[in-house]
């Protein structure tokens, strides 16, 4: 298995594979067949198998499957509110930034020194 600190070392394909394995483990631990999950999620059994075997599926499919398993809460961290940095808020004149500048923090610091 992997630890959360190792996730940055993995390729996108490896992460998709791990997510598929996790979904399969959750399904099996819940004693749910693919047919039962198809009924609960509306996702075809072949697509469920594709996800579990590490093939790329849409986000909507993943969400439907997690909902069918009663595990939609696994997305909680991703859906948490992100607070805007007070410094960015100040620099934007009190408004939250609408887009990124693409400049790194180091580049901004260098410009401030010059």
N, C-alpha and C. Protein backbone atom coordinates (compact mmCIF):
# COMPACT_ATOMS: atom_id res chain seq x y z
N UNK A 1 0.85 -1.19 0.00
CA UNK A 1 0.00 0.00 0.00
C UNK A 1 0.89 1.23 0.00
N UNK A 2 0.30 2.38 0.05
CA UNK A 2 1.06 3.62 0.03
C UNK A 2 0.68 4.46 1.22
N UNK A 3 1.52 5.43 1.51
CA UNK A 3 1.17 6.39 2.55
C UNK A 3 0.83 7.70 1.86
N UNK A 4 0.02 8.55 2.47
CA UNK A 4 -0.37 9.81 1.84
C UNK A 4 0.82 10.65 1.37
N UNK A 5 1.95 10.56 2.05
CA UNK A 5 3.10 11.35 1.64
C UNK A 5 3.71 10.83 0.33
N UNK A 6 3.41 9.59 -0.04
CA UNK A 6 3.95 9.00 -1.26
C UNK A 6 3.12 9.33 -2.50
N UNK A 7 1.94 9.87 -2.34
CA UNK A 7 1.03 10.06 -3.47
C UNK A 7 1.64 10.96 -4.54
N UNK A 8 2.47 11.90 -4.16
CA UNK A 8 3.10 12.79 -5.14
C UNK A 8 4.11 12.05 -6.01
N UNK A 9 4.57 10.91 -5.56
CA UNK A 9 5.53 10.12 -6.31
C UNK A 9 4.86 9.24 -7.36
N UNK A 10 3.53 9.11 -7.30
CA UNK A 10 2.80 8.22 -8.19
C UNK A 10 2.38 8.93 -9.46
N UNK A 11 2.28 8.16 -10.54
CA UNK A 11 1.75 8.72 -11.79
C UNK A 11 0.24 8.83 -11.67
N UNK A 12 -0.35 9.59 -12.57
CA UNK A 12 -1.81 9.72 -12.58
C UNK A 12 -2.47 8.35 -12.76
N UNK A 13 -1.91 7.54 -13.63
CA UNK A 13 -2.45 6.21 -13.90
C UNK A 13 -2.38 5.33 -12.65
N UNK A 14 -1.30 5.45 -11.90
CA UNK A 14 -1.18 4.67 -10.66
C UNK A 14 -2.21 5.12 -9.63
N UNK A 15 -2.47 6.41 -9.56
CA UNK A 15 -3.47 6.93 -8.62
C UNK A 15 -4.85 6.43 -9.01
N UNK A 16 -5.17 6.45 -10.30
CA UNK A 16 -6.46 5.93 -10.76
C UNK A 16 -6.58 4.45 -10.37
N UNK A 17 -5.50 3.70 -10.52
CA UNK A 17 -5.50 2.29 -10.13
C UNK A 17 -5.76 2.09 -8.64
N UNK A 18 -5.13 2.92 -7.83
CA UNK A 18 -5.33 2.83 -6.37
C UNK A 18 -6.77 3.17 -5.98
N UNK A 19 -7.33 4.18 -6.65
CA UNK A 19 -8.72 4.55 -6.37
C UNK A 19 -9.64 3.38 -6.74
N UNK A 20 -9.37 2.76 -7.89
CA UNK A 20 -10.16 1.61 -8.31
C UNK A 20 -10.08 0.47 -7.32
N UNK A 21 -8.86 0.19 -6.84
CA UNK A 21 -8.68 -0.87 -5.83
C UNK A 21 -9.45 -0.55 -4.55
N UNK A 22 -9.41 0.71 -4.16
CA UNK A 22 -10.10 1.15 -2.94
C UNK A 22 -11.61 0.97 -3.09
N UNK A 23 -12.15 1.37 -4.24
CA UNK A 23 -13.58 1.22 -4.47
C UNK A 23 -13.96 -0.26 -4.45
N UNK A 24 -13.14 -1.11 -5.07
CA UNK A 24 -13.42 -2.55 -5.06
C UNK A 24 -13.41 -3.10 -3.64
N UNK A 25 -12.42 -2.69 -2.85
CA UNK A 25 -12.33 -3.14 -1.46
C UNK A 25 -13.55 -2.70 -0.66
N UNK A 26 -13.97 -1.46 -0.84
CA UNK A 26 -15.15 -0.95 -0.15
C UNK A 26 -16.38 -1.78 -0.55
N UNK A 27 -16.51 -2.04 -1.85
CA UNK A 27 -17.66 -2.81 -2.32
C UNK A 27 -17.67 -4.21 -1.74
N UNK A 28 -16.52 -4.87 -1.77
CA UNK A 28 -16.44 -6.24 -1.25
C UNK A 28 -16.65 -6.27 0.26
N UNK A 29 -16.06 -5.31 0.98
CA UNK A 29 -16.25 -5.26 2.44
C UNK A 29 -17.70 -4.99 2.82
N UNK A 30 -18.42 -4.32 1.92
CA UNK A 30 -19.84 -4.05 2.15
C UNK A 30 -20.72 -5.20 1.67
N UNK A 31 -20.07 -6.24 1.11
CA UNK A 31 -20.77 -7.43 0.61
C UNK A 31 -21.80 -7.06 -0.45
N UNK A 32 -21.38 -6.18 -1.38
CA UNK A 32 -22.25 -5.71 -2.46
C UNK A 32 -21.71 -6.26 -3.77
N UNK A 33 -22.58 -6.88 -4.56
CA UNK A 33 -22.17 -7.36 -5.87
C UNK A 33 -22.17 -6.20 -6.86
N UNK A 34 -21.54 -6.40 -8.00
CA UNK A 34 -21.56 -5.36 -9.03
C UNK A 34 -22.99 -5.12 -9.52
N UNK A 35 -23.77 -6.19 -9.61
CA UNK A 35 -25.17 -6.03 -10.02
C UNK A 35 -25.94 -5.17 -9.02
N UNK A 36 -25.72 -5.41 -7.73
CA UNK A 36 -26.39 -4.61 -6.70
C UNK A 36 -25.94 -3.16 -6.77
N UNK A 37 -24.65 -2.96 -7.02
CA UNK A 37 -24.12 -1.60 -7.12
C UNK A 37 -24.68 -0.91 -8.37
N UNK A 38 -24.86 -1.67 -9.44
CA UNK A 38 -25.48 -1.10 -10.63
C UNK A 38 -26.88 -0.58 -10.31
N UNK A 39 -27.64 -1.36 -9.57
CA UNK A 39 -28.99 -0.94 -9.17
C UNK A 39 -28.95 0.31 -8.31
N UNK A 40 -28.00 0.36 -7.38
CA UNK A 40 -27.93 1.48 -6.44
C UNK A 40 -27.37 2.75 -7.07
N UNK A 41 -26.48 2.58 -8.06
CA UNK A 41 -25.78 3.75 -8.60
C UNK A 41 -26.24 4.16 -10.00
N UNK A 42 -26.84 3.23 -10.72
CA UNK A 42 -27.21 3.52 -12.11
C UNK A 42 -26.05 3.40 -13.06
N UNK A 43 -24.92 2.87 -12.59
CA UNK A 43 -23.72 2.70 -13.42
C UNK A 43 -23.65 1.24 -13.84
N UNK A 44 -23.42 1.00 -15.12
CA UNK A 44 -23.38 -0.36 -15.66
C UNK A 44 -22.26 -1.17 -15.00
N UNK A 45 -22.50 -2.47 -14.85
CA UNK A 45 -21.52 -3.34 -14.18
C UNK A 45 -20.16 -3.33 -14.90
N UNK A 46 -20.16 -3.21 -16.22
CA UNK A 46 -18.88 -3.16 -16.95
C UNK A 46 -18.09 -1.91 -16.56
N UNK A 47 -18.79 -0.80 -16.42
CA UNK A 47 -18.13 0.45 -16.03
C UNK A 47 -17.59 0.36 -14.61
N UNK A 48 -18.35 -0.29 -13.73
CA UNK A 48 -17.89 -0.51 -12.35
C UNK A 48 -16.61 -1.34 -12.39
N UNK A 49 -16.62 -2.39 -13.21
CA UNK A 49 -15.42 -3.22 -13.36
C UNK A 49 -14.25 -2.44 -13.94
N UNK A 50 -14.54 -1.55 -14.89
CA UNK A 50 -13.47 -0.72 -15.46
C UNK A 50 -12.82 0.14 -14.38
N UNK A 51 -13.65 0.78 -13.54
CA UNK A 51 -13.12 1.60 -12.45
C UNK A 51 -12.27 0.75 -11.51
N UNK A 52 -12.80 -0.39 -11.12
CA UNK A 52 -12.10 -1.24 -10.17
C UNK A 52 -10.79 -1.80 -10.73
N UNK A 53 -10.70 -1.91 -12.04
CA UNK A 53 -9.47 -2.43 -12.64
C UNK A 53 -8.50 -1.31 -13.03
N UNK A 54 -8.83 -0.08 -12.66
CA UNK A 54 -7.90 1.02 -12.86
C UNK A 54 -8.03 1.74 -14.18
N UNK A 55 -9.12 1.50 -14.90
CA UNK A 55 -9.34 2.24 -16.14
C UNK A 55 -9.93 3.59 -15.81
N UNK A 56 -9.68 4.54 -16.70
CA UNK A 56 -10.14 5.91 -16.49
C UNK A 56 -11.64 5.99 -16.69
N UNK A 57 -12.36 6.54 -15.73
CA UNK A 57 -13.79 6.79 -15.83
C UNK A 57 -14.04 8.25 -15.50
N UNK A 58 -15.24 8.72 -15.78
CA UNK A 58 -15.53 10.12 -15.52
C UNK A 58 -15.73 10.37 -14.02
N UNK A 59 -15.62 11.62 -13.66
CA UNK A 59 -15.87 12.01 -12.26
C UNK A 59 -17.31 11.72 -11.89
N UNK A 60 -18.24 11.94 -12.80
CA UNK A 60 -19.65 11.68 -12.53
C UNK A 60 -19.85 10.20 -12.21
N UNK A 61 -19.15 9.33 -12.94
CA UNK A 61 -19.24 7.89 -12.69
C UNK A 61 -18.71 7.56 -11.30
N UNK A 62 -17.56 8.11 -10.95
CA UNK A 62 -16.99 7.87 -9.63
C UNK A 62 -17.94 8.34 -8.54
N UNK A 63 -18.51 9.52 -8.70
CA UNK A 63 -19.44 10.06 -7.71
C UNK A 63 -20.67 9.17 -7.59
N UNK A 64 -21.20 8.71 -8.72
CA UNK A 64 -22.38 7.83 -8.70
C UNK A 64 -22.08 6.53 -7.97
N UNK A 65 -20.91 5.97 -8.22
CA UNK A 65 -20.53 4.71 -7.57
C UNK A 65 -20.35 4.92 -6.07
N UNK A 66 -19.66 5.99 -5.69
CA UNK A 66 -19.49 6.27 -4.26
C UNK A 66 -20.83 6.50 -3.59
N UNK A 67 -21.75 7.18 -4.27
CA UNK A 67 -23.09 7.40 -3.72
C UNK A 67 -23.80 6.06 -3.55
N UNK A 68 -23.69 5.19 -4.55
CA UNK A 68 -24.32 3.87 -4.48
C UNK A 68 -23.78 3.02 -3.35
N UNK A 69 -22.50 3.22 -3.01
CA UNK A 69 -21.88 2.49 -1.90
C UNK A 69 -22.12 3.17 -0.55
N UNK A 70 -22.74 4.34 -0.57
CA UNK A 70 -22.93 5.08 0.68
C UNK A 70 -21.64 5.66 1.20
N UNK A 71 -20.70 5.95 0.30
CA UNK A 71 -19.38 6.46 0.70
C UNK A 71 -19.06 7.81 0.07
N UNK A 72 -20.08 8.58 -0.25
CA UNK A 72 -19.86 9.89 -0.83
C UNK A 72 -19.05 10.79 0.10
N UNK A 73 -19.10 10.47 1.39
CA UNK A 73 -18.34 11.26 2.37
C UNK A 73 -16.83 11.21 2.13
N UNK A 74 -16.36 10.27 1.32
CA UNK A 74 -14.93 10.22 1.01
C UNK A 74 -14.46 11.47 0.27
N UNK A 75 -15.40 12.22 -0.29
CA UNK A 75 -15.05 13.44 -1.01
C UNK A 75 -15.11 14.68 -0.13
N UNK A 76 -15.43 14.51 1.14
CA UNK A 76 -15.58 15.65 2.06
C UNK A 76 -14.38 16.58 2.05
N UNK A 77 -13.17 16.04 2.14
CA UNK A 77 -11.98 16.89 2.19
C UNK A 77 -11.84 17.72 0.93
N UNK A 78 -12.18 17.12 -0.19
CA UNK A 78 -12.08 17.82 -1.46
C UNK A 78 -13.10 18.95 -1.57
N UNK A 79 -14.23 18.78 -0.90
CA UNK A 79 -15.32 19.75 -0.99
C UNK A 79 -15.31 20.79 0.12
N UNK A 80 -14.34 20.71 1.03
CA UNK A 80 -14.25 21.70 2.11
C UNK A 80 -13.98 23.07 1.53
N UNK A 81 -14.47 24.09 2.22
CA UNK A 81 -14.21 25.47 1.81
C UNK A 81 -12.72 25.77 1.94
N UNK A 82 -12.19 26.37 0.91
CA UNK A 82 -10.81 26.85 0.94
C UNK A 82 -10.86 28.32 1.31
N UNK A 83 -10.15 28.69 2.34
CA UNK A 83 -10.13 30.10 2.69
C UNK A 83 -9.10 30.82 1.83
N UNK A 84 -9.40 32.05 1.52
CA UNK A 84 -8.49 32.86 0.72
C UNK A 84 -7.47 33.47 1.66
N UNK A 85 -6.22 33.45 1.24
CA UNK A 85 -5.15 34.04 2.02
C UNK A 85 -5.45 35.51 2.29
N UNK A 86 -5.33 35.94 3.55
CA UNK A 86 -5.59 37.36 3.86
C UNK A 86 -4.71 38.30 3.04
N UNK A 87 -3.47 37.89 2.76
CA UNK A 87 -2.57 38.73 1.97
C UNK A 87 -3.10 38.86 0.54
N UNK A 88 -3.53 37.74 -0.05
CA UNK A 88 -4.09 37.81 -1.40
C UNK A 88 -5.36 38.64 -1.42
N UNK A 89 -6.16 38.51 -0.38
CA UNK A 89 -7.40 39.29 -0.28
C UNK A 89 -7.08 40.79 -0.21
N UNK A 90 -6.07 41.14 0.56
CA UNK A 90 -5.65 42.54 0.68
C UNK A 90 -5.14 43.07 -0.66
N UNK A 91 -4.28 42.27 -1.32
CA UNK A 91 -3.70 42.69 -2.60
C UNK A 91 -4.76 42.83 -3.68
N UNK A 92 -5.82 42.06 -3.57
CA UNK A 92 -6.90 42.11 -4.56
C UNK A 92 -7.92 43.18 -4.22
N UNK A 93 -7.62 44.03 -3.26
CA UNK A 93 -8.52 45.12 -2.92
C UNK A 93 -9.75 44.66 -2.17
N UNK A 94 -9.61 43.59 -1.40
CA UNK A 94 -10.72 43.09 -0.60
C UNK A 94 -11.59 42.07 -1.31
N UNK A 95 -11.29 41.81 -2.58
CA UNK A 95 -12.05 40.82 -3.34
C UNK A 95 -11.22 39.55 -3.52
N UNK A 96 -11.87 38.42 -3.43
CA UNK A 96 -11.17 37.16 -3.64
C UNK A 96 -10.68 37.10 -5.08
N UNK A 97 -9.46 36.61 -5.31
CA UNK A 97 -8.94 36.53 -6.67
C UNK A 97 -9.83 35.65 -7.55
N UNK A 98 -10.00 36.07 -8.79
CA UNK A 98 -10.81 35.32 -9.74
C UNK A 98 -9.97 34.40 -10.61
N UNK A 99 -8.66 34.67 -10.70
CA UNK A 99 -7.77 33.83 -11.50
C UNK A 99 -6.36 33.93 -10.93
N UNK A 100 -5.54 32.96 -11.29
CA UNK A 100 -4.16 32.93 -10.83
C UNK A 100 -3.29 33.70 -11.82
N UNK A 101 -2.24 34.29 -11.32
CA UNK A 101 -1.34 35.04 -12.20
C UNK A 101 -0.32 34.13 -12.87
N UNK A 102 -0.08 32.98 -12.27
CA UNK A 102 0.91 32.06 -12.82
C UNK A 102 2.31 32.36 -12.33
N UNK A 103 2.47 33.41 -11.59
CA UNK A 103 3.78 33.75 -11.05
C UNK A 103 4.00 33.02 -9.74
N UNK A 104 5.19 32.56 -9.54
CA UNK A 104 5.49 31.86 -8.30
C UNK A 104 5.72 32.86 -7.17
N UNK A 105 5.64 32.38 -5.97
CA UNK A 105 5.88 33.22 -4.81
C UNK A 105 7.29 33.78 -4.83
N UNK A 106 8.25 32.95 -5.29
CA UNK A 106 9.65 33.39 -5.34
C UNK A 106 9.81 34.56 -6.31
N UNK A 107 9.13 34.51 -7.44
CA UNK A 107 9.23 35.59 -8.42
C UNK A 107 8.68 36.88 -7.83
N UNK A 108 7.59 36.79 -7.08
CA UNK A 108 7.02 37.99 -6.45
C UNK A 108 7.97 38.57 -5.43
N UNK A 109 8.62 37.71 -4.67
CA UNK A 109 9.57 38.17 -3.65
C UNK A 109 10.75 38.85 -4.31
N UNK A 110 11.26 38.29 -5.40
CA UNK A 110 12.38 38.90 -6.13
C UNK A 110 11.99 40.28 -6.64
N UNK A 111 10.80 40.41 -7.19
CA UNK A 111 10.37 41.70 -7.70
C UNK A 111 10.25 42.72 -6.59
N UNK A 112 9.84 42.29 -5.41
CA UNK A 112 9.70 43.20 -4.27
C UNK A 112 11.06 43.72 -3.83
N UNK A 113 12.09 42.89 -3.97
CA UNK A 113 13.44 43.29 -3.53
C UNK A 113 14.09 44.26 -4.50
N UNK A 114 13.72 44.19 -5.74
CA UNK A 114 14.39 45.02 -6.77
C UNK A 114 13.92 46.44 -6.72
